Structure formats: C-alpha cells, structure tokens
Amino acid sequence: MPDPDRATPPRMVAAWCPDWPVTAIRLAGGGADDGETPAAVLSANRVVACSHAAREAGVRRGLRRREAQARCPDLVVLQRDEAIEARAFEPVLLALESIALGVEVTRPGLAALG
C-alpha cells in the first residue's frame, strides 16, 4: 500500500528532435532541403548533427569533416547557426505550451514538459 505522506516525484516528458540543427537550417532554406540529400551540420570542424541519409552512409556525431566526407562523398556540409536553431524552435515551443504548462527548454530541439 502506498505511503500517503510520501510525495511522488513529478513526471516529465521530453520532446527531442535529434537532428534539429539540420532541420532548422533546412527550414531556413539554408541547403539540402529535399530530405533525402545526406547533410551534416558542423561546428569547430566536427559533426554535431546529421540527417538520416548521412547516418545511413556512416556519418556520426563527433566525426571530423574529412572523415565524414570520406564516408559520404555526396555529403552537404552546413555550418552551425544556433540563432537559426533557436528561431526555428519557437513555433514548436508554442505548440508544446498550448498543451502543457511549464515547458522547459534545454536547448533548441530538446524540451521537457511536466
């Protein structure tokens, strides 16, 4: 039988878009917008996010640019723009806030709901 004096921890749900940097640049018209072209977003010469097509070709987060391009010669390389990522995530946040209170943003592409 549960103890009525013991408080239960709050339940949280995470809304995560793992390829958000690629998605945000595509939404902004920054390149490789067909969804089938392998694309990767780089920061400091390392892959921070890649599309599904790029992952299928062997591209992974953390790879250096040269290694990513060796694994996928057709790779479209995009430079990270965190301002674009944040602006593109705003409509997602508004949608989440319309169904739940207390949306907490960890970073563009990742939010938690109570």
PDB file of N, CA and C in Angstrom:
ATOM      1  N   MET A   1       0.839  -1.173   0.000  1.00  0.00           N
ATOM      2  CA  MET A   1       0.000   0.000   0.000  1.00  0.00           C
ATOM      3  C   MET A   1       0.895   1.251   0.000  1.00  0.00           C
ATOM      4  N   PRO A   2       0.640   2.212  -0.870  1.00  0.00           N
ATOM      5  CA  PRO A   2       1.490   3.403  -0.930  1.00  0.00           C
ATOM      6  C   PRO A   2       1.358   4.262   0.325  1.00  0.00           C
ATOM      7  N   ASP A   3       2.462   4.882   0.676  1.00  0.00           N
ATOM      8  CA  ASP A   3       2.507   5.760   1.844  1.00  0.00           C
ATOM      9  C   ASP A   3       1.936   7.121   1.455  1.00  0.00           C
ATOM     10  N   PRO A   4       0.836   7.583   2.067  1.00  0.00           N
ATOM     11  CA  PRO A   4       0.226   8.863   1.677  1.00  0.00           C
ATOM     12  C   PRO A   4       1.082  10.074   2.033  1.00  0.00           C
ATOM     13  N   ASP A   5       2.025   9.918   2.967  1.00  0.00           N
ATOM     14  CA  ASP A   5       2.882  11.042   3.342  1.00  0.00           C
ATOM     15  C   ASP A   5       4.070  11.205   2.399  1.00  0.00           C
ATOM     16  N   ARG A   6       4.326  10.198   1.619  1.00  0.00           N
ATOM     17  CA  ARG A   6       5.484  10.237   0.719  1.00  0.00           C
ATOM     18  C   ARG A   6       5.080  10.886  -0.602  1.00  0.00           C
ATOM     19  N   ALA A   7       5.767  11.938  -0.950  1.00  0.00           N
ATOM     20  CA  ALA A   7       5.460  12.645  -2.199  1.00  0.00           C
ATOM     21  C   ALA A   7       6.061  11.878  -3.382  1.00  0.00           C
ATOM     22  N   THR A   8       5.294  11.768  -4.426  1.00  0.00           N
ATOM     23  CA  THR A   8       5.811  11.108  -5.626  1.00  0.00           C
ATOM     24  C   THR A   8       6.553  12.143  -6.471  1.00  0.00           C
ATOM     25  N   PRO A   9       7.628  11.713  -7.108  1.00  0.00           N
ATOM     26  CA  PRO A   9       8.361  12.665  -7.946  1.00  0.00           C
ATOM     27  C   PRO A   9       7.518  13.076  -9.151  1.00  0.00           C
ATOM     28  N   PRO A  10       7.714  14.275  -9.612  1.00  0.00           N
ATOM     29  CA  PRO A  10       6.934  14.723 -10.777  1.00  0.00           C
ATOM     30  C   PRO A  10       7.326  13.920 -12.018  1.00  0.00           C
ATOM     31  N   ARG A  11       6.376  13.705 -12.872  1.00  0.00           N
ATOM     32  CA  ARG A  11       6.644  13.003 -14.129  1.00  0.00           C
ATOM     33  C   ARG A  11       6.995  14.035 -15.190  1.00  0.00           C
ATOM     34  N   MET A  12       7.979  13.691 -15.986  1.00  0.00           N
ATOM     35  CA  MET A  12       8.433  14.585 -17.050  1.00  0.00           C
ATOM     36  C   MET A  12       8.418  13.836 -18.379  1.00  0.00           C
ATOM     37  N   VAL A  13       8.147  14.562 -19.421  1.00  0.00           N
ATOM     38  CA  VAL A  13       8.211  14.031 -20.779  1.00  0.00           C
ATOM     39  C   VAL A  13       9.170  14.918 -21.547  1.00  0.00           C
ATOM     40  N   ALA A  14      10.055  14.306 -22.308  1.00  0.00           N
ATOM     41  CA  ALA A  14      10.988  15.078 -23.134  1.00  0.00           C
ATOM     42  C   ALA A  14      10.544  15.022 -24.587  1.00  0.00           C
ATOM     43  N   ALA A  15      10.558  16.174 -25.218  1.00  0.00           N
ATOM     44  CA  ALA A  15      10.320  16.266 -26.658  1.00  0.00           C
ATOM     45  C   ALA A  15      11.683  16.552 -27.281  1.00  0.00           C
ATOM     46  N   TRP A  16      12.208  15.570 -28.027  1.00  0.00           N
ATOM     47  CA  TRP A  16      13.566  15.670 -28.552  1.00  0.00           C
ATOM     48  C   TRP A  16      13.559  15.488 -30.055  1.00  0.00           C
ATOM     49  N   CYS A  17      14.175  16.404 -30.753  1.00  0.00           N
ATOM     50  CA  CYS A  17      14.379  16.329 -32.196  1.00  0.00           C
ATOM     51  C   CYS A  17      15.878  16.174 -32.412  1.00  0.00           C
ATOM     52  N   PRO A  18      16.377  14.939 -32.537  1.00  0.00           N
ATOM     53  CA  PRO A  18      17.824  14.710 -32.541  1.00  0.00           C
ATOM     54  C   PRO A  18      18.572  15.387 -33.683  1.00  0.00           C
ATOM     55  N   ASP A  19      17.935  15.582 -34.811  1.00  0.00           N
ATOM     56  CA  ASP A  19      18.599  16.211 -35.956  1.00  0.00           C
ATOM     57  C   ASP A  19      18.222  17.682 -36.077  1.00  0.00           C
ATOM     58  N   TRP A  20      17.875  18.318 -34.959  1.00  0.00           N
ATOM     59  CA  TRP A  20      17.350  19.677 -35.021  1.00  0.00           C
ATOM     60  C   TRP A  20      18.246  20.663 -35.767  1.00  0.00           C
ATOM     61  N   PRO A  21      19.566  20.674 -35.575  1.00  0.00           N
ATOM     62  CA  PRO A  21      20.374  21.636 -36.332  1.00  0.00           C
ATOM     63  C   PRO A  21      20.215  21.487 -37.850  1.00  0.00           C
ATOM     64  N   VAL A  22      20.113  20.260 -38.342  1.00  0.00           N
ATOM     65  CA  VAL A  22      19.900  20.039 -39.780  1.00  0.00           C
ATOM     66  C   VAL A  22      18.515  20.520 -40.170  1.00  0.00           C
ATOM     67  N   THR A  23      17.517  20.154 -39.391  1.00  0.00           N
ATOM     68  CA  THR A  23      16.138  20.544 -39.670  1.00  0.00           C
ATOM     69  C   THR A  23      15.980  22.063 -39.686  1.00  0.00           C
ATOM     70  N   ALA A  24      16.587  22.739 -38.717  1.00  0.00           N
ATOM     71  CA  ALA A  24      16.464  24.202 -38.630  1.00  0.00           C
ATOM     72  C   ALA A  24      17.070  24.887 -39.847  1.00  0.00           C
ATOM     73  N   ILE A  25      18.225  24.422 -40.274  1.00  0.00           N
ATOM     74  CA  ILE A  25      18.861  25.034 -41.450  1.00  0.00           C
ATOM     75  C   ILE A  25      18.032  24.762 -42.693  1.00  0.00           C
ATOM     76  N   ARG A  26      17.481  23.563 -42.798  1.00  0.00           N
ATOM     77  CA  ARG A  26      16.613  23.251 -43.938  1.00  0.00           C
ATOM     78  C   ARG A  26      15.365  24.128 -43.928  1.00  0.00           C
ATOM     79  N   LEU A  27      14.756  24.331 -42.760  1.00  0.00           N
ATOM     80  CA  LEU A  27      13.573  25.185 -42.662  1.00  0.00           C
ATOM     81  C   LEU A  27      13.886  26.623 -43.058  1.00  0.00           C
ATOM     82  N   ALA A  28      15.100  27.065 -42.757  1.00  0.00           N
ATOM     83  CA  ALA A  28      15.514  28.425 -43.088  1.00  0.00           C
ATOM     84  C   ALA A  28      15.952  28.557 -44.545  1.00  0.00           C
ATOM     85  N   GLY A  29      15.926  27.448 -45.278  1.00  0.00           N
ATOM     86  CA  GLY A  29      16.319  27.485 -46.685  1.00  0.00           C
ATOM     87  C   GLY A  29      17.816  27.512 -46.873  1.00  0.00           C
ATOM     88  N   GLY A  30      18.541  26.972 -45.907  1.00  0.00           N
ATOM     89  CA  GLY A  30      19.998  27.007 -45.944  1.00  0.00           C
ATOM     90  C   GLY A  30      20.672  25.884 -46.691  1.00  0.00           C
ATOM     91  N   GLY A  31      19.925  24.997 -47.341  1.00  0.00           N
ATOM     92  CA  GLY A  31      20.554  23.964 -48.159  1.00  0.00           C
ATOM     93  C   GLY A  31      20.051  22.572 -47.862  1.00  0.00           C
ATOM     94  N   ALA A  32      20.184  21.712 -48.873  1.00  0.00           N
ATOM     95  CA  ALA A  32      19.826  20.298 -48.773  1.00  0.00           C
ATOM     96  C   ALA A  32      18.422  20.120 -48.221  1.00  0.00           C
ATOM     97  N   ASP A  33      17.451  20.805 -48.835  1.00  0.00           N
ATOM     98  CA  ASP A  33      16.106  20.802 -48.265  1.00  0.00           C
ATOM     99  C   ASP A  33      15.198  19.698 -48.798  1.00  0.00           C
ATOM    100  N   ASP A  34      15.711  18.766 -49.580  1.00  0.00           N
ATOM    101  CA  ASP A  34      14.844  17.713 -50.100  1.00  0.00           C
ATOM    102  C   ASP A  34      14.613  16.580 -49.112  1.00  0.00           C
ATOM    103  N   GLY A  35      15.372  16.529 -48.026  1.00  0.00           N
ATOM    104  CA  GLY A  35      15.193  15.492 -47.026  1.00  0.00           C
ATOM    105  C   GLY A  35      15.878  14.187 -47.360  1.00  0.00           C
ATOM    106  N   GLU A  36      16.306  14.007 -48.597  1.00  0.00           N
ATOM    107  CA  GLU A  36      16.986  12.775 -48.995  1.00  0.00           C
ATOM    108  C   GLU A  36      18.476  12.976 -49.202  1.00  0.00           C
ATOM    109  N   THR A  37      18.902  14.212 -49.345  1.00  0.00           N
ATOM    110  CA  THR A  37      20.320  14.500 -49.530  1.00  0.00           C
ATOM    111  C   THR A  37      21.037  14.351 -48.199  1.00  0.00           C
ATOM    112  N   PRO A  38      22.139  13.593 -48.168  1.00  0.00           N
ATOM    113  CA  PRO A  38      22.881  13.482 -46.908  1.00  0.00           C
ATOM    114  C   PRO A  38      23.467  14.838 -46.519  1.00  0.00           C
ATOM    115  N   ALA A  39      23.194  15.245 -45.300  1.00  0.00           N
ATOM    116  CA  ALA A  39      23.671  16.542 -44.822  1.00  0.00           C
ATOM    117  C   ALA A  39      24.185  16.410 -43.399  1.00  0.00           C
ATOM    118  N   ALA A  40      25.153  17.252 -43.071  1.00  0.00           N
ATOM    119  CA  ALA A  40      25.696  17.285 -41.714  1.00  0.00           C
ATOM    120  C   ALA A  40      25.966  18.726 -41.324  1.00  0.00           C
ATOM    121  N   VAL A  41      25.699  19.025 -40.073  1.00  0.00           N
ATOM    122  CA  VAL A  41      25.981  20.350 -39.518  1.00  0.00           C
ATOM    123  C   VAL A  41      27.265  20.233 -38.711  1.00  0.00           C
ATOM    124  N   LEU A  42      28.201  21.145 -38.994  1.00  0.00           N
ATOM    125  CA  LEU A  42      29.490  21.111 -38.324  1.00  0.00           C
ATOM    126  C   LEU A  42      29.707  22.341 -37.462  1.00  0.00           C
ATOM    127  N   SER A  43      30.442  22.132 -36.397  1.00  0.00           N
ATOM    128  CA  SER A  43      30.914  23.210 -35.540  1.00  0.00           C
ATOM    129  C   SER A  43      32.317  22.835 -35.110  1.00  0.00           C
ATOM    130  N   ALA A  44      33.242  23.762 -35.245  1.00  0.00           N
ATOM    131  CA  ALA A  44      34.652  23.511 -34.917  1.00  0.00           C
ATOM    132  C   ALA A  44      35.168  22.282 -35.656  1.00  0.00           C
ATOM    133  N   ASN A  45      34.766  22.154 -36.924  1.00  0.00           N
ATOM    134  CA  ASN A  45      35.234  21.091 -37.817  1.00  0.00           C
ATOM    135  C   ASN A  45      34.794  19.687 -37.392  1.00  0.00           C
ATOM    136  N   ARG A  46      33.751  19.598 -36.560  1.00  0.00           N
ATOM    137  CA  ARG A  46      33.215  18.299 -36.129  1.00  0.00           C
ATOM    138  C   ARG A  46      31.706  18.257 -36.385  1.00  0.00           C
ATOM    139  N   VAL A  47      31.218  17.071 -36.714  1.00  0.00           N
ATOM    140  CA  VAL A  47      29.795  16.874 -36.960  1.00  0.00           C
ATOM    141  C   VAL A  47      29.040  16.973 -35.635  1.00  0.00           C
ATOM    142  N   VAL A  48      28.062  17.868 -35.568  1.00  0.00           N
ATOM    143  CA  VAL A  48      27.220  17.993 -34.373  1.00  0.00           C
ATOM    144  C   VAL A  48      25.834  17.386 -34.620  1.00  0.00           C
ATOM    145  N   ALA A  49      25.437  17.257 -35.880  1.00  0.00           N
ATOM    146  CA  ALA A  49      24.164  16.630 -36.235  1.00  0.00           C
ATOM    147  C   ALA A  49      24.234  16.227 -37.695  1.00  0.00           C
ATOM    148  N   CYS A  50      23.482  15.177 -38.031  1.00  0.00           N
ATOM    149  CA  CYS A  50      23.446  14.751 -39.426  1.00  0.00           C
ATOM    150  C   CYS A  50      22.062  14.207 -39.757  1.00  0.00           C
ATOM    151  N   SER A  51      21.758  14.191 -41.026  1.00  0.00           N
ATOM    152  CA  SER A  51      20.466  13.697 -41.484  1.00  0.00           C
ATOM    153  C   SER A  51      20.452  12.172 -41.484  1.00  0.00           C
ATOM    154  N   HIS A  52      19.262  11.638 -41.642  1.00  0.00           N
ATOM    155  CA  HIS A  52      19.109  10.180 -41.695  1.00  0.00           C
ATOM    156  C   HIS A  52      19.923   9.592 -42.846  1.00  0.00           C
ATOM    157  N   ALA A  53      19.870  10.252 -44.002  1.00  0.00           N
ATOM    158  CA  ALA A  53      20.619   9.761 -45.168  1.00  0.00           C
ATOM    159  C   ALA A  53      22.120   9.751 -44.896  1.00  0.00           C
ATOM    160  N   ALA A  54      22.609  10.745 -44.180  1.00  0.00           N
ATOM    161  CA  ALA A  54      24.038  10.787 -43.839  1.00  0.00           C
ATOM    162  C   ALA A  54      24.386   9.675 -42.856  1.00  0.00           C
ATOM    163  N   ARG A  55      23.517   9.423 -41.889  1.00  0.00           N
ATOM    164  CA  ARG A  55      23.765   8.319 -40.939  1.00  0.00           C
ATOM    165  C   ARG A  55      23.810   6.980 -41.650  1.00  0.00           C
ATOM    166  N   GLU A  56      22.932   6.794 -42.629  1.00  0.00           N
ATOM    167  CA  GLU A  56      22.935   5.547 -43.391  1.00  0.00           C
ATOM    168  C   GLU A  56      24.246   5.356 -44.147  1.00  0.00           C
ATOM    169  N   ALA A  57      24.913   6.462 -44.495  1.00  0.00           N
ATOM    170  CA  ALA A  57      26.199   6.393 -45.199  1.00  0.00           C
ATOM    171  C   ALA A  57      27.377   6.283 -44.232  1.00  0.00           C
ATOM    172  N   GLY A  58      27.099   6.264 -42.913  1.00  0.00           N
ATOM    173  CA  GLY A  58      28.168   6.076 -41.936  1.00  0.00           C
ATOM    174  C   GLY A  58      28.616   7.325 -41.205  1.00  0.00           C
ATOM    175  N   VAL A  59      27.968   8.447 -41.451  1.00  0.00           N
ATOM    176  CA  VAL A  59      28.332   9.693 -40.769  1.00  0.00           C
ATOM    177  C   VAL A  59      27.740   9.664 -39.359  1.00  0.00           C
ATOM    178  N   ARG A  60      28.537  10.074 -38.390  1.00  0.00           N
ATOM    179  CA  ARG A  60      28.114  10.086 -36.991  1.00  0.00           C
ATOM    180  C   ARG A  60      28.539  11.396 -36.338  1.00  0.00           C
ATOM    181  N   ARG A  61      27.833  11.762 -35.246  1.00  0.00           N
ATOM    182  CA  ARG A  61      28.247  12.944 -34.482  1.00  0.00           C
ATOM    183  C   ARG A  61      29.661  12.722 -33.958  1.00  0.00           C
ATOM    184  N   GLY A  62      30.426  13.813 -33.942  1.00  0.00           N
ATOM    185  CA  GLY A  62      31.786  13.754 -33.428  1.00  0.00           C
ATOM    186  C   GLY A  62      32.846  13.514 -34.483  1.00  0.00           C
ATOM    187  N   LEU A  63      32.447  13.070 -35.672  1.00  0.00           N
ATOM    188  CA  LEU A  63      33.436  12.847 -36.726  1.00  0.00           C
ATOM    189  C   LEU A  63      34.009  14.175 -37.207  1.00  0.00           C
ATOM    190  N   ARG A  64      35.252  14.135 -37.603  1.00  0.00           N
ATOM    191  CA  ARG A  64      35.851  15.305 -38.246  1.00  0.00           C
ATOM    192  C   ARG A  64      35.293  15.420 -39.658  1.00  0.00           C
ATOM    193  N   ARG A  65      35.337  16.632 -40.185  1.00  0.00           N
ATOM    194  CA  ARG A  65      34.782  16.904 -41.514  1.00  0.00           C
ATOM    195  C   ARG A  65      35.362  15.966 -42.571  1.00  0.00           C
ATOM    196  N   ARG A  66      36.643  15.805 -42.571  1.00  0.00           N
ATOM    197  CA  ARG A  66      37.301  14.979 -43.592  1.00  0.00           C
ATOM    198  C   ARG A  66      36.823  13.526 -43.522  1.00  0.00           C
ATOM    199  N   GLU A  67      36.704  12.980 -42.313  1.00  0.00           N
ATOM    200  CA  GLU A  67      36.244  11.596 -42.152  1.00  0.00           C
ATOM    201  C   GLU A  67      34.786  11.461 -42.589  1.00  0.00           C
ATOM    202  N   ALA A  68      33.957  12.446 -42.249  1.00  0.00           N
ATOM    203  CA  ALA A  68      32.554  12.407 -42.655  1.00  0.00           C
ATOM    204  C   ALA A  68      32.426  12.438 -44.178  1.00  0.00           C
ATOM    205  N   GLN A  69      33.213  13.281 -44.835  1.00  0.00           N
ATOM    206  CA  GLN A  69      33.163  13.374 -46.292  1.00  0.00           C
ATOM    207  C   GLN A  69      33.753  12.127 -46.954  1.00  0.00           C
ATOM    208  N   ALA A  70      34.720  11.486 -46.305  1.00  0.00           N
ATOM    209  CA  ALA A  70      35.268  10.237 -46.842  1.00  0.00           C
ATOM    210  C   ALA A  70      34.222   9.126 -46.787  1.00  0.00           C
ATOM    211  N   ARG A  71      33.437   9.104 -45.729  1.00  0.00           N
ATOM    212  CA  ARG A  71      32.388   8.090 -45.599  1.00  0.00           C
ATOM    213  C   ARG A  71      31.216   8.349 -46.526  1.00  0.00           C
ATOM    214  N   CYS A  72      30.976   9.624 -46.822  1.00  0.00           N
ATOM    215  CA  CYS A  72      29.830  10.002 -47.660  1.00  0.00           C
ATOM    216  C   CYS A  72      30.255  11.130 -48.606  1.00  0.00           C
ATOM    217  N   PRO A  73      30.765  10.785 -49.783  1.00  0.00           N
ATOM    218  CA  PRO A  73      31.256  11.817 -50.714  1.00  0.00           C
ATOM    219  C   PRO A  73      30.204  12.833 -51.150  1.00  0.00           C
ATOM    220  N   ASP A  74      28.924  12.467 -51.112  1.00  0.00           N
ATOM    221  CA  ASP A  74      27.846  13.382 -51.512  1.00  0.00           C
ATOM    222  C   ASP A  74      27.355  14.256 -50.366  1.00  0.00           C
ATOM    223  N   LEU A  75      28.030  14.219 -49.237  1.00  0.00           N
ATOM    224  CA  LEU A  75      27.599  14.934 -48.041  1.00  0.00           C
ATOM    225  C   LEU A  75      27.560  16.447 -48.271  1.00  0.00           C
ATOM    226  N   VAL A  76      26.439  17.059 -47.913  1.00  0.00           N
ATOM    227  CA  VAL A  76      26.319  18.514 -47.932  1.00  0.00           C
ATOM    228  C   VAL A  76      26.711  18.993 -46.543  1.00  0.00           C
ATOM    229  N   VAL A  77      27.750  19.815 -46.476  1.00  0.00           N
ATOM    230  CA  VAL A  77      28.257  20.304 -45.193  1.00  0.00           C
ATOM    231  C   VAL A  77      27.655  21.673 -44.907  1.00  0.00           C
ATOM    232  N   LEU A  78      27.045  21.793 -43.733  1.00  0.00           N
ATOM    233  CA  LEU A  78      26.403  23.033 -43.316  1.00  0.00           C
ATOM    234  C   LEU A  78      27.069  23.517 -42.035  1.00  0.00           C
ATOM    235  N   GLN A  79      27.258  24.821 -41.918  1.00  0.00           N
ATOM    236  CA  GLN A  79      27.845  25.372 -40.701  1.00  0.00           C
ATOM    237  C   GLN A  79      26.752  25.643 -39.679  1.00  0.00           C
ATOM    238  N   ARG A  80      27.048  25.379 -38.443  1.00  0.00           N
ATOM    239  CA  ARG A  80      26.065  25.538 -37.378  1.00  0.00           C
ATOM    240  C   ARG A  80      25.719  27.012 -37.173  1.00  0.00           C
ATOM    241  N   ASP A  81      24.424  27.261 -36.982  1.00  0.00           N
ATOM    242  CA  ASP A  81      23.935  28.598 -36.677  1.00  0.00           C
ATOM    243  C   ASP A  81      22.916  28.459 -35.555  1.00  0.00           C
ATOM    244  N   GLU A  82      23.355  28.675 -34.333  1.00  0.00           N
ATOM    245  CA  GLU A  82      22.497  28.473 -33.172  1.00  0.00           C
ATOM    246  C   GLU A  82      21.332  29.462 -33.124  1.00  0.00           C
ATOM    247  N   ALA A  83      21.497  30.637 -33.716  1.00  0.00           N
ATOM    248  CA  ALA A  83      20.396  31.604 -33.754  1.00  0.00           C
ATOM    249  C   ALA A  83      19.259  31.079 -34.631  1.00  0.00           C
ATOM    250  N   ILE A  84      19.601  30.485 -35.768  1.00  0.00           N
ATOM    251  CA  ILE A  84      18.582  29.886 -36.645  1.00  0.00           C
ATOM    252  C   ILE A  84      17.895  28.743 -35.931  1.00  0.00           C
ATOM    253  N   GLU A  85      18.675  27.918 -35.213  1.00  0.00           N
ATOM    254  CA  GLU A  85      18.104  26.795 -34.472  1.00  0.00           C
ATOM    255  C   GLU A  85      17.082  27.282 -33.441  1.00  0.00           C
ATOM    256  N   ALA A  86      17.425  28.336 -32.719  1.00  0.00           N
ATOM    257  CA  ALA A  86      16.528  28.862 -31.686  1.00  0.00           C
ATOM    258  C   ALA A  86      15.265  29.459 -32.308  1.00  0.00           C
ATOM    259  N   ARG A  87      15.418  30.246 -33.377  1.00  0.00           N
ATOM    260  CA  ARG A  87      14.246  30.849 -34.027  1.00  0.00           C
ATOM    261  C   ARG A  87      13.315  29.787 -34.593  1.00  0.00           C
ATOM    262  N   ALA A  88      13.874  28.753 -35.190  1.00  0.00           N
ATOM    263  CA  ALA A  88      13.048  27.704 -35.789  1.00  0.00           C
ATOM    264  C   ALA A  88      12.336  26.861 -34.732  1.00  0.00           C
ATOM    265  N   PHE A  89      12.875  26.828 -33.513  1.00  0.00           N
ATOM    266  CA  PHE A  89      12.267  26.019 -32.446  1.00  0.00           C
ATOM    267  C   PHE A  89      11.115  26.736 -31.748  1.00  0.00           C
ATOM    268  N   GLU A  90      11.000  28.048 -31.935  1.00  0.00           N
ATOM    269  CA  GLU A  90       9.949  28.821 -31.272  1.00  0.00           C
ATOM    270  C   GLU A  90       8.535  28.316 -31.590  1.00  0.00           C
ATOM    271  N   PRO A  91       8.192  28.030 -32.861  1.00  0.00           N
ATOM    272  CA  PRO A  91       6.838  27.507 -33.124  1.00  0.00           C
ATOM    273  C   PRO A  91       6.593  26.146 -32.447  1.00  0.00           C
ATOM    274  N   VAL A  92       7.618  25.341 -32.340  1.00  0.00           N
ATOM    275  CA  VAL A  92       7.488  24.051 -31.653  1.00  0.00           C
ATOM    276  C   VAL A  92       7.172  24.297 -30.181  1.00  0.00           C
ATOM    277  N   LEU A  93       7.876  25.250 -29.576  1.00  0.00           N
ATOM    278  CA  LEU A  93       7.623  25.577 -28.170  1.00  0.00           C
ATOM    279  C   LEU A  93       6.210  26.102 -27.957  1.00  0.00           C
ATOM    280  N   LEU A  94       5.753  26.950 -28.854  1.00  0.00           N
ATOM    281  CA  LEU A  94       4.384  27.468 -28.744  1.00  0.00           C
ATOM    282  C   LEU A  94       3.367  26.334 -28.813  1.00  0.00           C
ATOM    283  N   ALA A  95       3.605  25.368 -29.687  1.00  0.00           N
ATOM    284  CA  ALA A  95       2.699  24.225 -29.791  1.00  0.00           C
ATOM    285  C   ALA A  95       2.727  23.395 -28.513  1.00  0.00           C
ATOM    286  N   LEU A  96       3.918  23.180 -27.967  1.00  0.00           N
ATOM    287  CA  LEU A  96       4.031  22.416 -26.723  1.00  0.00           C
ATOM    288  C   LEU A  96       3.357  23.146 -25.568  1.00  0.00           C
ATOM    289  N   GLU A  97       3.547  24.464 -25.498  1.00  0.00           N
ATOM    290  CA  GLU A  97       2.938  25.253 -24.421  1.00  0.00           C
ATOM    291  C   GLU A  97       1.413  25.300 -24.530  1.00  0.00           C
ATOM    292  N   SER A  98       0.882  25.070 -25.723  1.00  0.00           N
ATOM    293  CA  SER A  98      -0.572  25.062 -25.874  1.00  0.00           C
ATOM    294  C   SER A  98      -1.205  23.798 -25.283  1.00  0.00           C
ATOM    295  N   ILE A  99      -0.396  22.753 -25.064  1.00  0.00           N
ATOM    296  CA  ILE A  99      -0.945  21.520 -24.493  1.00  0.00           C
ATOM    297  C   ILE A  99      -0.447  21.232 -23.079  1.00  0.00           C
ATOM    298  N   ALA A 100       0.608  21.927 -22.648  1.00  0.00           N
ATOM    299  CA  ALA A 100       1.145  21.671 -21.304  1.00  0.00           C
ATOM    300  C   ALA A 100       1.771  22.941 -20.752  1.00  0.00           C
ATOM    301  N   LEU A 101       1.612  23.132 -19.458  1.00  0.00           N
ATOM    302  CA  LEU A 101       2.236  24.275 -18.803  1.00  0.00           C
ATOM    303  C   LEU A 101       3.652  23.906 -18.358  1.00  0.00           C
ATOM    304  N   GLY A 102       4.484  24.893 -18.220  1.00  0.00           N
ATOM    305  CA  GLY A 102       5.821  24.667 -17.677  1.00  0.00           C
ATOM    306  C   GLY A 102       6.767  23.965 -18.617  1.00  0.00           C
ATOM    307  N   VAL A 103       6.793  24.354 -19.872  1.00  0.00           N
ATOM    308  CA  VAL A 103       7.744  23.778 -20.815  1.00  0.00           C
ATOM    309  C   VAL A 103       9.120  24.333 -20.490  1.00  0.00           C
ATOM    310  N   GLU A 104      10.078  23.459 -20.372  1.00  0.00           N
ATOM    311  CA  GLU A 104      11.438  23.855 -20.034  1.00  0.00           C
ATOM    312  C   GLU A 104      12.357  23.501 -21.204  1.00  0.00           C
ATOM    313  N   VAL A 105      13.017  24.510 -21.762  1.00  0.00           N
ATOM    314  CA  VAL A 105      13.891  24.303 -22.902  1.00  0.00           C
ATOM    315  C   VAL A 105      15.303  24.028 -22.404  1.00  0.00           C
ATOM    316  N   THR A 106      15.850  22.901 -22.817  1.00  0.00           N
ATOM    317  CA  THR A 106      17.234  22.571 -22.503  1.00  0.00           C
ATOM    318  C   THR A 106      18.151  23.182 -23.540  1.00  0.00           C
ATOM    319  N   ARG A 107      17.761  23.029 -24.781  1.00  0.00           N
ATOM    320  CA  ARG A 107      18.453  23.619 -25.932  1.00  0.00           C
ATOM    321  C   ARG A 107      17.490  23.529 -27.108  1.00  0.00           C
ATOM    322  N   PRO A 108      17.702  24.283 -28.187  1.00  0.00           N
ATOM    323  CA  PRO A 108      16.824  24.121 -29.341  1.00  0.00           C
ATOM    324  C   PRO A 108      16.824  22.665 -29.805  1.00  0.00           C
ATOM    325  N   GLY A 109      15.637  22.103 -29.912  1.00  0.00           N
ATOM    326  CA  GLY A 109      15.494  20.709 -30.299  1.00  0.00           C
ATOM    327  C   GLY A 109      15.203  19.790 -29.125  1.00  0.00           C
ATOM    328  N   LEU A 110      15.302  20.297 -27.901  1.00  0.00           N
ATOM    329  CA  LEU A 110      15.042  19.486 -26.707  1.00  0.00           C
ATOM    330  C   LEU A 110      14.301  20.306 -25.665  1.00  0.00           C
ATOM    331  N   ALA A 111      13.114  19.828 -25.304  1.00  0.00           N
ATOM    332  CA  ALA A 111      12.314  20.500 -24.289  1.00  0.00           C
ATOM    333  C   ALA A 111      11.690  19.456 -23.364  1.00  0.00           C
ATOM    334  N   ALA A 112      11.452  19.837 -22.124  1.00  0.00           N
ATOM    335  CA  ALA A 112      10.829  18.943 -21.144  1.00  0.00           C
ATOM    336  C   ALA A 112       9.491  19.516 -20.722  1.00  0.00           C
ATOM    337  N   LEU A 113       8.535  18.639 -20.523  1.00  0.00           N
ATOM    338  CA  LEU A 113       7.188  19.015 -20.097  1.00  0.00           C
ATOM    339  C   LEU A 113       6.865  18.315 -18.794  1.00  0.00           C
ATOM    340  N   GLY A 114       6.228  19.027 -17.902  1.00  0.00           N
ATOM    341  CA  GLY A 114       5.819  18.430 -16.635  1.00  0.00           C
ATOM    342  C   GLY A 114       4.491  17.720 -16.780  1.00  0.00           C
TER     343      GLY A 114
END
